[in-house]
């Protein structure tokens, strides 16, 4: 009787801060599908990732899915429903792809993997990026708070979703 082939895990599942930090220590390029528990990871890209893995066959290429609700480092992605893929190398963010755009994902994976191979083989420098969409959003929020006066009670009252503001009255 022939022995069954052991199936390799294509994507590492990350659901804690500790596992996140371990993933950042992996040598090579880490492609992370960031998701929230209520919507789950993008299953449509698994075939693309498998195809790329078979094509390049590199031990320097790692795929992961990370649940933002349980990882402090990904807090800024909570409440967002847009697919986001983060690319890490040497523990640093080197690229971001928004949306499940297969051609763009493939291009970015192959380009970033080539860069990481050069960095590891020849000691070059990685180009570290910031997730600009959130930087801009954070700047806009700060400007809005400043514009509204940002008094001492600002942000202390959070009204639950579906609760009508007219339902809230001052106690006498």
N, C-alpha and C. Protein backbone atom coordinates (compact mmCIF):
# COMPACT_ATOMS: atom_id res chain seq x y z
N UNK A 1 0.85 -1.19 0.00
CA UNK A 1 0.00 0.00 0.00
C UNK A 1 0.89 1.24 0.00
N UNK A 2 0.60 2.15 -0.87
CA UNK A 2 1.39 3.38 -0.99
C UNK A 2 1.09 4.31 0.19
N UNK A 3 2.13 4.97 0.67
CA UNK A 3 1.96 5.92 1.77
C UNK A 3 1.32 7.20 1.25
N UNK A 4 0.45 7.77 2.05
CA UNK A 4 -0.18 9.02 1.65
C UNK A 4 0.82 10.14 1.76
N UNK A 5 0.77 11.04 0.80
CA UNK A 5 1.63 12.22 0.81
C UNK A 5 1.15 13.18 1.88
N UNK A 6 2.07 13.69 2.66
CA UNK A 6 1.70 14.66 3.68
C UNK A 6 1.38 15.99 3.00
N UNK A 7 0.19 16.50 3.27
CA UNK A 7 -0.23 17.76 2.65
C UNK A 7 0.42 18.93 3.38
N UNK A 8 1.08 19.78 2.62
CA UNK A 8 1.72 20.96 3.19
C UNK A 8 0.68 22.04 3.45
N UNK A 9 0.85 22.73 4.53
CA UNK A 9 -0.05 23.84 4.86
C UNK A 9 0.37 25.03 4.02
N UNK A 10 -0.57 25.58 3.26
CA UNK A 10 -0.26 26.71 2.40
C UNK A 10 -0.24 28.02 3.17
N UNK A 11 -1.22 28.20 4.06
CA UNK A 11 -1.33 29.44 4.81
C UNK A 11 -1.26 29.15 6.31
N UNK A 12 -0.42 29.91 6.99
CA UNK A 12 -0.33 29.83 8.44
C UNK A 12 -1.50 30.61 9.01
N UNK A 13 -2.18 30.07 10.00
CA UNK A 13 -3.29 30.77 10.64
C UNK A 13 -2.77 31.49 11.88
N UNK A 14 -2.96 32.81 11.91
CA UNK A 14 -2.47 33.63 13.03
C UNK A 14 -3.66 34.22 13.75
N UNK A 15 -3.81 33.83 15.03
CA UNK A 15 -4.96 34.33 15.79
C UNK A 15 -4.57 34.80 17.19
N UNK A 16 -3.29 35.18 17.36
CA UNK A 16 -2.86 35.76 18.63
C UNK A 16 -1.65 36.66 18.38
N UNK A 17 -1.40 37.57 19.31
CA UNK A 17 -0.27 38.48 19.21
C UNK A 17 1.04 37.69 19.19
N UNK A 18 1.11 36.63 19.97
CA UNK A 18 2.31 35.79 20.04
C UNK A 18 2.62 35.15 18.68
N UNK A 19 1.60 34.58 18.03
CA UNK A 19 1.80 33.98 16.71
C UNK A 19 2.17 35.04 15.67
N UNK A 20 1.59 36.24 15.82
CA UNK A 20 1.92 37.35 14.91
C UNK A 20 3.41 37.68 15.00
N UNK A 21 3.91 37.80 16.22
CA UNK A 21 5.32 38.12 16.42
C UNK A 21 6.24 37.01 15.91
N UNK A 22 5.81 35.76 16.05
CA UNK A 22 6.58 34.63 15.50
C UNK A 22 6.64 34.72 13.98
N UNK A 23 5.50 35.06 13.35
CA UNK A 23 5.45 35.17 11.89
C UNK A 23 6.40 36.26 11.40
N UNK A 24 6.46 37.37 12.12
CA UNK A 24 7.34 38.47 11.71
C UNK A 24 8.82 38.06 11.73
N UNK A 25 9.14 37.03 12.49
CA UNK A 25 10.53 36.57 12.58
C UNK A 25 10.92 35.58 11.49
N UNK A 26 9.94 35.14 10.69
CA UNK A 26 10.25 34.19 9.61
C UNK A 26 11.15 34.84 8.57
N UNK A 27 12.10 34.09 8.08
CA UNK A 27 13.01 34.58 7.05
C UNK A 27 12.30 34.56 5.70
N UNK A 28 12.37 35.67 4.98
CA UNK A 28 11.75 35.75 3.66
C UNK A 28 10.58 36.71 3.63
N UNK A 29 9.70 36.51 2.66
CA UNK A 29 8.54 37.37 2.45
C UNK A 29 7.30 36.70 3.03
N UNK A 30 6.57 37.45 3.86
CA UNK A 30 5.33 36.98 4.46
C UNK A 30 4.17 37.76 3.84
N UNK A 31 3.25 37.05 3.21
CA UNK A 31 2.07 37.66 2.61
C UNK A 31 0.89 37.34 3.53
N UNK A 32 0.31 38.38 4.13
CA UNK A 32 -0.72 38.19 5.15
C UNK A 32 -2.07 38.71 4.67
N UNK A 33 -3.05 37.82 4.65
CA UNK A 33 -4.43 38.17 4.36
C UNK A 33 -5.06 38.57 5.69
N UNK A 34 -5.32 39.86 5.86
CA UNK A 34 -5.86 40.40 7.11
C UNK A 34 -7.39 40.32 7.04
N UNK A 35 -8.01 39.69 8.06
CA UNK A 35 -9.47 39.55 8.03
C UNK A 35 -10.04 39.70 9.44
N UNK A 36 -11.37 39.88 9.49
CA UNK A 36 -12.08 39.92 10.76
C UNK A 36 -12.87 38.63 10.90
N UNK A 37 -13.09 38.21 12.13
CA UNK A 37 -13.76 36.94 12.40
C UNK A 37 -15.12 36.84 11.72
N UNK A 38 -15.85 37.96 11.64
CA UNK A 38 -17.20 37.91 11.07
C UNK A 38 -17.22 37.71 9.56
N UNK A 39 -16.11 37.97 8.87
CA UNK A 39 -16.13 37.78 7.41
C UNK A 39 -15.16 36.70 6.93
N UNK A 40 -14.18 36.33 7.73
CA UNK A 40 -13.25 35.27 7.36
C UNK A 40 -12.26 35.70 6.30
N UNK A 41 -11.22 34.86 6.07
CA UNK A 41 -10.20 35.18 5.07
C UNK A 41 -10.74 35.01 3.65
N UNK A 42 -10.03 35.58 2.68
CA UNK A 42 -10.42 35.49 1.28
C UNK A 42 -10.06 34.12 0.73
N UNK A 43 -11.07 33.31 0.45
CA UNK A 43 -10.82 31.96 -0.07
C UNK A 43 -10.49 31.99 -1.56
N UNK A 44 -10.88 33.07 -2.22
CA UNK A 44 -10.67 33.16 -3.67
C UNK A 44 -9.20 33.26 -4.05
N UNK A 45 -8.34 33.67 -3.12
CA UNK A 45 -6.93 33.85 -3.46
C UNK A 45 -6.08 32.61 -3.16
N UNK A 46 -6.67 31.61 -2.50
CA UNK A 46 -5.90 30.41 -2.13
C UNK A 46 -5.33 29.72 -3.37
N UNK A 47 -6.13 29.61 -4.43
CA UNK A 47 -5.63 28.98 -5.66
C UNK A 47 -4.49 29.78 -6.27
N UNK A 48 -4.59 31.10 -6.23
CA UNK A 48 -3.51 31.95 -6.73
C UNK A 48 -2.24 31.72 -5.91
N UNK A 49 -2.37 31.71 -4.59
CA UNK A 49 -1.21 31.48 -3.73
C UNK A 49 -0.59 30.11 -4.00
N UNK A 50 -1.42 29.10 -4.18
CA UNK A 50 -0.92 27.75 -4.47
C UNK A 50 -0.16 27.74 -5.80
N UNK A 51 -0.71 28.42 -6.80
CA UNK A 51 -0.08 28.50 -8.12
C UNK A 51 1.29 29.18 -8.02
N UNK A 52 1.35 30.28 -7.28
CA UNK A 52 2.61 31.01 -7.12
C UNK A 52 3.62 30.15 -6.36
N UNK A 53 3.16 29.50 -5.28
CA UNK A 53 4.05 28.63 -4.49
C UNK A 53 4.64 27.53 -5.38
N UNK A 54 3.81 26.90 -6.22
CA UNK A 54 4.29 25.85 -7.12
C UNK A 54 5.25 26.39 -8.16
N UNK A 55 5.00 27.61 -8.62
CA UNK A 55 5.83 28.23 -9.65
C UNK A 55 7.22 28.59 -9.11
N UNK A 56 7.26 29.25 -7.96
CA UNK A 56 8.55 29.73 -7.43
C UNK A 56 9.21 28.73 -6.49
N UNK A 57 8.40 27.90 -5.83
CA UNK A 57 8.93 26.87 -4.94
C UNK A 57 9.93 27.37 -3.92
N UNK A 58 9.79 28.55 -3.45
CA UNK A 58 10.78 29.15 -2.56
C UNK A 58 10.45 28.92 -1.09
N UNK A 59 11.49 28.62 -0.31
CA UNK A 59 11.34 28.52 1.14
C UNK A 59 11.27 29.91 1.76
N UNK A 60 11.48 30.93 0.95
CA UNK A 60 11.45 32.31 1.43
C UNK A 60 10.07 32.96 1.29
N UNK A 61 9.08 32.20 0.80
CA UNK A 61 7.74 32.74 0.59
C UNK A 61 6.77 32.07 1.55
N UNK A 62 6.11 32.88 2.38
CA UNK A 62 5.17 32.37 3.38
C UNK A 62 3.84 33.09 3.22
N UNK A 63 2.76 32.32 3.31
CA UNK A 63 1.42 32.89 3.25
C UNK A 63 0.76 32.70 4.61
N UNK A 64 -0.01 33.69 5.04
CA UNK A 64 -0.68 33.62 6.33
C UNK A 64 -2.03 34.31 6.26
N UNK A 65 -2.91 33.92 7.15
CA UNK A 65 -4.17 34.62 7.37
C UNK A 65 -4.14 35.08 8.82
N UNK A 66 -4.50 36.34 9.07
CA UNK A 66 -4.43 36.90 10.41
C UNK A 66 -5.75 37.54 10.81
N UNK A 67 -6.29 37.10 11.93
CA UNK A 67 -7.55 37.63 12.44
C UNK A 67 -7.29 38.89 13.26
N UNK A 68 -7.73 40.04 12.76
CA UNK A 68 -7.41 41.32 13.39
C UNK A 68 -8.02 41.48 14.77
N UNK A 69 -9.13 40.80 15.03
CA UNK A 69 -9.81 40.95 16.31
C UNK A 69 -8.99 40.43 17.49
N UNK A 70 -8.01 39.57 17.22
CA UNK A 70 -7.24 38.99 18.32
C UNK A 70 -5.76 39.37 18.28
N UNK A 71 -5.40 40.34 17.42
CA UNK A 71 -3.99 40.74 17.30
C UNK A 71 -3.89 42.25 17.49
N UNK A 72 -3.26 42.65 18.58
CA UNK A 72 -3.16 44.08 18.91
C UNK A 72 -2.48 44.89 17.81
N UNK A 73 -1.46 44.32 17.18
CA UNK A 73 -0.71 45.04 16.15
C UNK A 73 -1.58 45.38 14.94
N UNK A 74 -2.71 44.70 14.77
CA UNK A 74 -3.58 44.93 13.62
C UNK A 74 -4.86 45.67 13.99
N UNK A 75 -4.86 46.30 15.14
CA UNK A 75 -6.05 46.99 15.64
C UNK A 75 -6.63 48.00 14.64
N UNK A 76 -5.76 48.70 13.91
CA UNK A 76 -6.26 49.73 13.00
C UNK A 76 -7.04 49.17 11.82
N UNK A 77 -7.00 47.85 11.63
CA UNK A 77 -7.75 47.22 10.54
C UNK A 77 -9.13 46.73 10.98
N UNK A 78 -9.43 46.85 12.27
CA UNK A 78 -10.73 46.41 12.77
C UNK A 78 -11.82 47.33 12.25
N UNK A 79 -12.95 46.74 11.93
CA UNK A 79 -14.07 47.53 11.43
C UNK A 79 -13.99 47.84 9.95
N UNK A 80 -12.99 47.36 9.27
CA UNK A 80 -12.84 47.57 7.82
C UNK A 80 -13.24 46.29 7.11
N UNK A 81 -13.98 46.39 6.03
CA UNK A 81 -14.40 45.18 5.33
C UNK A 81 -13.68 45.00 3.99
N UNK A 82 -12.83 45.94 3.63
CA UNK A 82 -12.08 45.84 2.38
C UNK A 82 -10.97 44.81 2.54
N UNK A 83 -10.82 43.90 1.56
CA UNK A 83 -9.71 42.95 1.64
C UNK A 83 -8.37 43.69 1.66
N UNK A 84 -7.49 43.28 2.58
CA UNK A 84 -6.16 43.89 2.70
C UNK A 84 -5.13 42.79 2.81
N UNK A 85 -4.08 42.92 2.01
CA UNK A 85 -2.96 41.98 2.05
C UNK A 85 -1.71 42.76 2.42
N UNK A 86 -1.07 42.35 3.51
CA UNK A 86 0.13 43.01 4.00
C UNK A 86 1.34 42.15 3.67
N UNK A 87 2.41 42.80 3.24
CA UNK A 87 3.64 42.10 2.86
C UNK A 87 4.73 42.50 3.84
N UNK A 88 5.26 41.51 4.56
CA UNK A 88 6.31 41.77 5.55
C UNK A 88 7.59 41.04 5.17
N UNK A 89 8.71 41.70 5.38
CA UNK A 89 10.03 41.09 5.18
C UNK A 89 10.93 41.65 6.28
N UNK A 90 11.66 40.78 6.93
CA UNK A 90 12.53 41.23 8.01
C UNK A 90 11.76 41.91 9.13
N UNK A 91 10.50 41.53 9.31
CA UNK A 91 9.68 42.11 10.36
C UNK A 91 9.12 43.49 10.03
N UNK A 92 9.35 43.97 8.81
CA UNK A 92 8.91 45.32 8.40
C UNK A 92 7.88 45.23 7.28
N UNK A 93 6.94 46.17 7.28
CA UNK A 93 5.95 46.25 6.22
C UNK A 93 6.62 46.78 4.95
N UNK A 94 6.56 46.00 3.87
CA UNK A 94 7.22 46.42 2.63
C UNK A 94 6.23 46.70 1.48
N UNK A 95 4.98 46.25 1.64
CA UNK A 95 3.97 46.53 0.60
C UNK A 95 2.58 46.25 1.16
N UNK A 96 1.58 46.89 0.55
CA UNK A 96 0.18 46.70 0.91
C UNK A 96 -0.62 46.61 -0.38
N UNK A 97 -1.52 45.62 -0.46
CA UNK A 97 -2.43 45.53 -1.60
C UNK A 97 -3.84 45.52 -1.04
N UNK A 98 -4.67 46.46 -1.52
CA UNK A 98 -6.07 46.54 -1.12
C UNK A 98 -6.94 45.93 -2.21
N UNK A 99 -7.87 45.10 -1.80
CA UNK A 99 -8.75 44.43 -2.75
C UNK A 99 -8.16 43.09 -3.18
N UNK A 100 -9.03 42.19 -3.60
CA UNK A 100 -8.61 40.86 -4.03
C UNK A 100 -8.33 40.87 -5.53
N UNK A 101 -7.39 41.69 -5.95
CA UNK A 101 -7.00 41.86 -7.34
C UNK A 101 -5.89 40.86 -7.66
N UNK A 102 -6.25 39.72 -8.26
CA UNK A 102 -5.31 38.63 -8.48
C UNK A 102 -4.07 39.05 -9.28
N UNK A 103 -4.20 39.75 -10.41
CA UNK A 103 -3.00 40.15 -11.15
C UNK A 103 -2.06 41.05 -10.33
N UNK A 104 -2.64 41.99 -9.57
CA UNK A 104 -1.83 42.88 -8.75
C UNK A 104 -1.17 42.11 -7.60
N UNK A 105 -1.91 41.20 -6.99
CA UNK A 105 -1.33 40.37 -5.92
C UNK A 105 -0.15 39.56 -6.44
N UNK A 106 -0.34 38.91 -7.59
CA UNK A 106 0.73 38.09 -8.17
C UNK A 106 1.95 38.94 -8.48
N UNK A 107 1.74 40.08 -9.10
CA UNK A 107 2.84 40.98 -9.45
C UNK A 107 3.59 41.43 -8.20
N UNK A 108 2.84 41.83 -7.18
CA UNK A 108 3.46 42.32 -5.94
C UNK A 108 4.23 41.20 -5.24
N UNK A 109 3.65 40.01 -5.18
CA UNK A 109 4.34 38.88 -4.55
C UNK A 109 5.65 38.59 -5.25
N UNK A 110 5.62 38.48 -6.58
CA UNK A 110 6.84 38.15 -7.32
C UNK A 110 7.89 39.26 -7.22
N UNK A 111 7.46 40.52 -7.28
CA UNK A 111 8.40 41.64 -7.15
C UNK A 111 9.03 41.69 -5.77
N UNK A 112 8.19 41.57 -4.73
CA UNK A 112 8.71 41.66 -3.37
C UNK A 112 9.58 40.45 -3.01
N UNK A 113 9.25 39.29 -3.56
CA UNK A 113 10.08 38.10 -3.32
C UNK A 113 11.45 38.28 -3.96
N UNK A 114 11.49 38.83 -5.15
CA UNK A 114 12.77 39.09 -5.83
C UNK A 114 13.60 40.09 -5.03
N UNK A 115 12.96 41.14 -4.52
CA UNK A 115 13.67 42.14 -3.70
C UNK A 115 14.22 41.49 -2.44
N UNK A 116 13.40 40.67 -1.78
CA UNK A 116 13.84 40.03 -0.54
C UNK A 116 15.00 39.07 -0.78
N UNK A 117 14.97 38.35 -1.89
CA UNK A 117 16.10 37.46 -2.22
C UNK A 117 17.38 38.27 -2.39
N UNK A 118 17.29 39.42 -3.05
CA UNK A 118 18.46 40.29 -3.23
C UNK A 118 18.97 40.80 -1.89
N UNK A 119 18.04 41.20 -1.03
CA UNK A 119 18.41 41.71 0.30
C UNK A 119 19.16 40.63 1.07
N UNK A 120 18.63 39.42 1.06
CA UNK A 120 19.24 38.34 1.83
C UNK A 120 20.55 37.86 1.23
N UNK A 121 20.65 37.86 -0.10
CA UNK A 121 21.87 37.37 -0.76
C UNK A 121 22.98 38.41 -0.81
N UNK A 122 22.61 39.67 -1.01
CA UNK A 122 23.62 40.72 -1.22
C UNK A 122 23.64 41.80 -0.14
N UNK A 123 22.81 41.65 0.88
CA UNK A 123 22.82 42.62 1.98
C UNK A 123 22.25 43.98 1.62
N UNK A 124 21.37 44.06 0.66
CA UNK A 124 20.76 45.34 0.29
C UNK A 124 19.78 45.80 1.36
N UNK A 125 19.16 46.94 1.11
CA UNK A 125 18.19 47.50 2.06
C UNK A 125 16.77 47.26 1.58
N UNK A 126 15.90 47.02 2.54
CA UNK A 126 14.48 46.89 2.24
C UNK A 126 13.86 48.28 2.20
N UNK A 127 12.88 48.45 1.35
CA UNK A 127 12.12 49.70 1.33
C UNK A 127 10.89 49.47 2.21
N UNK A 128 10.88 50.12 3.36
CA UNK A 128 9.79 49.98 4.31
C UNK A 128 8.72 51.01 3.98
N UNK A 129 7.45 50.59 4.06
CA UNK A 129 6.34 51.48 3.75
C UNK A 129 5.43 51.63 4.96
N UNK A 130 4.58 52.64 4.92
CA UNK A 130 3.51 52.79 5.90
C UNK A 130 2.21 52.62 5.16
N UNK A 131 1.22 52.10 5.85
CA UNK A 131 -0.09 51.95 5.23
C UNK A 131 -0.72 53.33 5.15
N UNK A 132 -0.52 54.01 4.03
CA UNK A 132 -0.90 55.41 3.83
C UNK A 132 -2.40 55.66 4.03
N UNK A 133 -3.25 54.70 3.67
CA UNK A 133 -4.69 54.92 3.80
C UNK A 133 -5.05 55.21 5.23
N UNK A 134 -4.43 54.53 6.18
CA UNK A 134 -4.76 54.76 7.57
C UNK A 134 -4.07 56.00 8.09
N UNK A 135 -2.90 56.30 7.61
CA UNK A 135 -2.23 57.52 8.03
C UNK A 135 -3.09 58.73 7.65
N UNK A 136 -3.63 58.72 6.46
CA UNK A 136 -4.47 59.82 5.99
C UNK A 136 -5.76 59.87 6.81
N UNK A 137 -6.35 58.70 7.06
CA UNK A 137 -7.58 58.63 7.84
C UNK A 137 -7.35 59.15 9.26
N UNK A 138 -6.24 58.77 9.86
CA UNK A 138 -5.92 59.24 11.20
C UNK A 138 -5.72 60.75 11.22
N UNK A 139 -5.07 61.29 10.19
CA UNK A 139 -4.89 62.75 10.09
C UNK A 139 -6.23 63.45 9.96
N UNK A 140 -7.13 62.89 9.16
CA UNK A 140 -8.45 63.49 8.99
C UNK A 140 -9.24 63.48 10.29
N UNK A 141 -9.14 62.39 11.07
CA UNK A 141 -9.85 62.32 12.35
C UNK A 141 -9.31 63.37 13.32
N UNK A 142 -8.00 63.54 13.36
CA UNK A 142 -7.39 64.53 14.25
C UNK A 142 -7.84 65.93 13.86
N UNK A 143 -7.89 66.21 12.56
CA UNK A 143 -8.32 67.53 12.09
C UNK A 143 -9.78 67.77 12.43
N UNK A 144 -10.62 66.74 12.29
CA UNK A 144 -12.03 66.85 12.61
C UNK A 144 -12.23 67.13 14.10
N UNK A 145 -11.50 66.43 14.95
CA UNK A 145 -11.61 66.65 16.40
C UNK A 145 -11.18 68.07 16.76
N UNK A 146 -10.12 68.53 16.13
CA UNK A 146 -9.63 69.88 16.40
C UNK A 146 -10.67 70.91 15.95
N UNK A 147 -11.26 70.67 14.78
CA UNK A 147 -12.26 71.58 14.23
C UNK A 147 -13.51 71.65 15.11
N UNK A 148 -13.88 70.52 15.73
CA UNK A 148 -15.07 70.46 16.57
C UNK A 148 -14.81 70.99 17.98
N UNK A 149 -13.61 71.41 18.24
CA UNK A 149 -13.31 71.98 19.55
C UNK A 149 -12.69 71.02 20.52
N UNK A 150 -12.94 69.72 20.35
CA UNK A 150 -12.30 68.70 21.18
C UNK A 150 -12.39 68.96 22.66
N UNK A 151 -13.55 69.43 23.17
CA UNK A 151 -13.72 69.74 24.58
C UNK A 151 -13.48 68.54 25.48
N UNK A 152 -13.57 68.74 26.80
CA UNK A 152 -13.25 67.68 27.75
C UNK A 152 -14.17 66.47 27.66
N UNK A 153 -15.39 66.65 27.12
CA UNK A 153 -16.32 65.53 27.03
C UNK A 153 -16.25 64.82 25.68
N UNK A 154 -15.41 65.32 24.78
CA UNK A 154 -15.29 64.75 23.44
C UNK A 154 -14.91 63.27 23.52
N UNK A 155 -15.68 62.44 22.86
CA UNK A 155 -15.37 61.02 22.76
C UNK A 155 -15.80 60.20 23.97
N UNK A 156 -16.39 60.81 25.01
CA UNK A 156 -16.77 60.06 26.19
C UNK A 156 -18.12 59.38 26.04
N UNK A 157 -18.98 59.90 25.18
CA UNK A 157 -20.29 59.31 24.98
C UNK A 157 -20.29 58.55 23.67
N UNK A 158 -20.47 57.24 23.78
CA UNK A 158 -20.54 56.43 22.58
C UNK A 158 -21.96 55.89 22.48
N UNK A 159 -22.65 56.22 21.42
CA UNK A 159 -24.03 55.80 21.26
C UNK A 159 -24.04 54.47 20.51
N UNK A 160 -24.69 53.46 21.08
CA UNK A 160 -24.74 52.15 20.42
C UNK A 160 -25.42 52.23 19.07
N UNK A 161 -25.01 51.35 18.17
CA UNK A 161 -25.58 51.30 16.83
C UNK A 161 -27.08 51.05 16.92
N UNK A 162 -27.86 51.77 16.15
CA UNK A 162 -29.30 51.59 16.11
C UNK A 162 -30.03 52.36 17.21
N UNK A 163 -29.32 53.01 18.09
CA UNK A 163 -29.91 53.77 19.19
C UNK A 163 -30.15 55.18 18.68
N UNK A 164 -31.36 55.66 18.81
CA UNK A 164 -31.71 56.99 18.33
C UNK A 164 -31.23 58.03 19.34
N UNK A 165 -30.61 59.06 18.83
CA UNK A 165 -30.12 60.13 19.67
C UNK A 165 -31.27 60.79 20.44
N UNK A 166 -32.45 60.83 19.82
CA UNK A 166 -33.61 61.45 20.48
C UNK A 166 -34.07 60.65 21.69
N UNK A 167 -33.63 59.41 21.84
CA UNK A 167 -33.99 58.56 22.97
C UNK A 167 -33.20 58.89 24.21
N UNK A 168 -32.14 59.68 24.06
CA UNK A 168 -31.28 60.01 25.18
C UNK A 168 -31.73 61.36 25.75
N UNK A 169 -32.02 61.39 27.03
CA UNK A 169 -32.43 62.63 27.68
C UNK A 169 -31.59 62.85 28.92
N UNK A 170 -31.51 64.09 29.36
CA UNK A 170 -30.79 64.40 30.59
C UNK A 170 -31.62 63.96 31.78
N UNK A 171 -30.96 63.38 32.79
CA UNK A 171 -31.67 63.01 34.02
C UNK A 171 -31.89 64.28 34.84
N UNK A 172 -33.07 64.40 35.42
CA UNK A 172 -33.36 65.61 36.20
C UNK A 172 -33.46 65.28 37.65
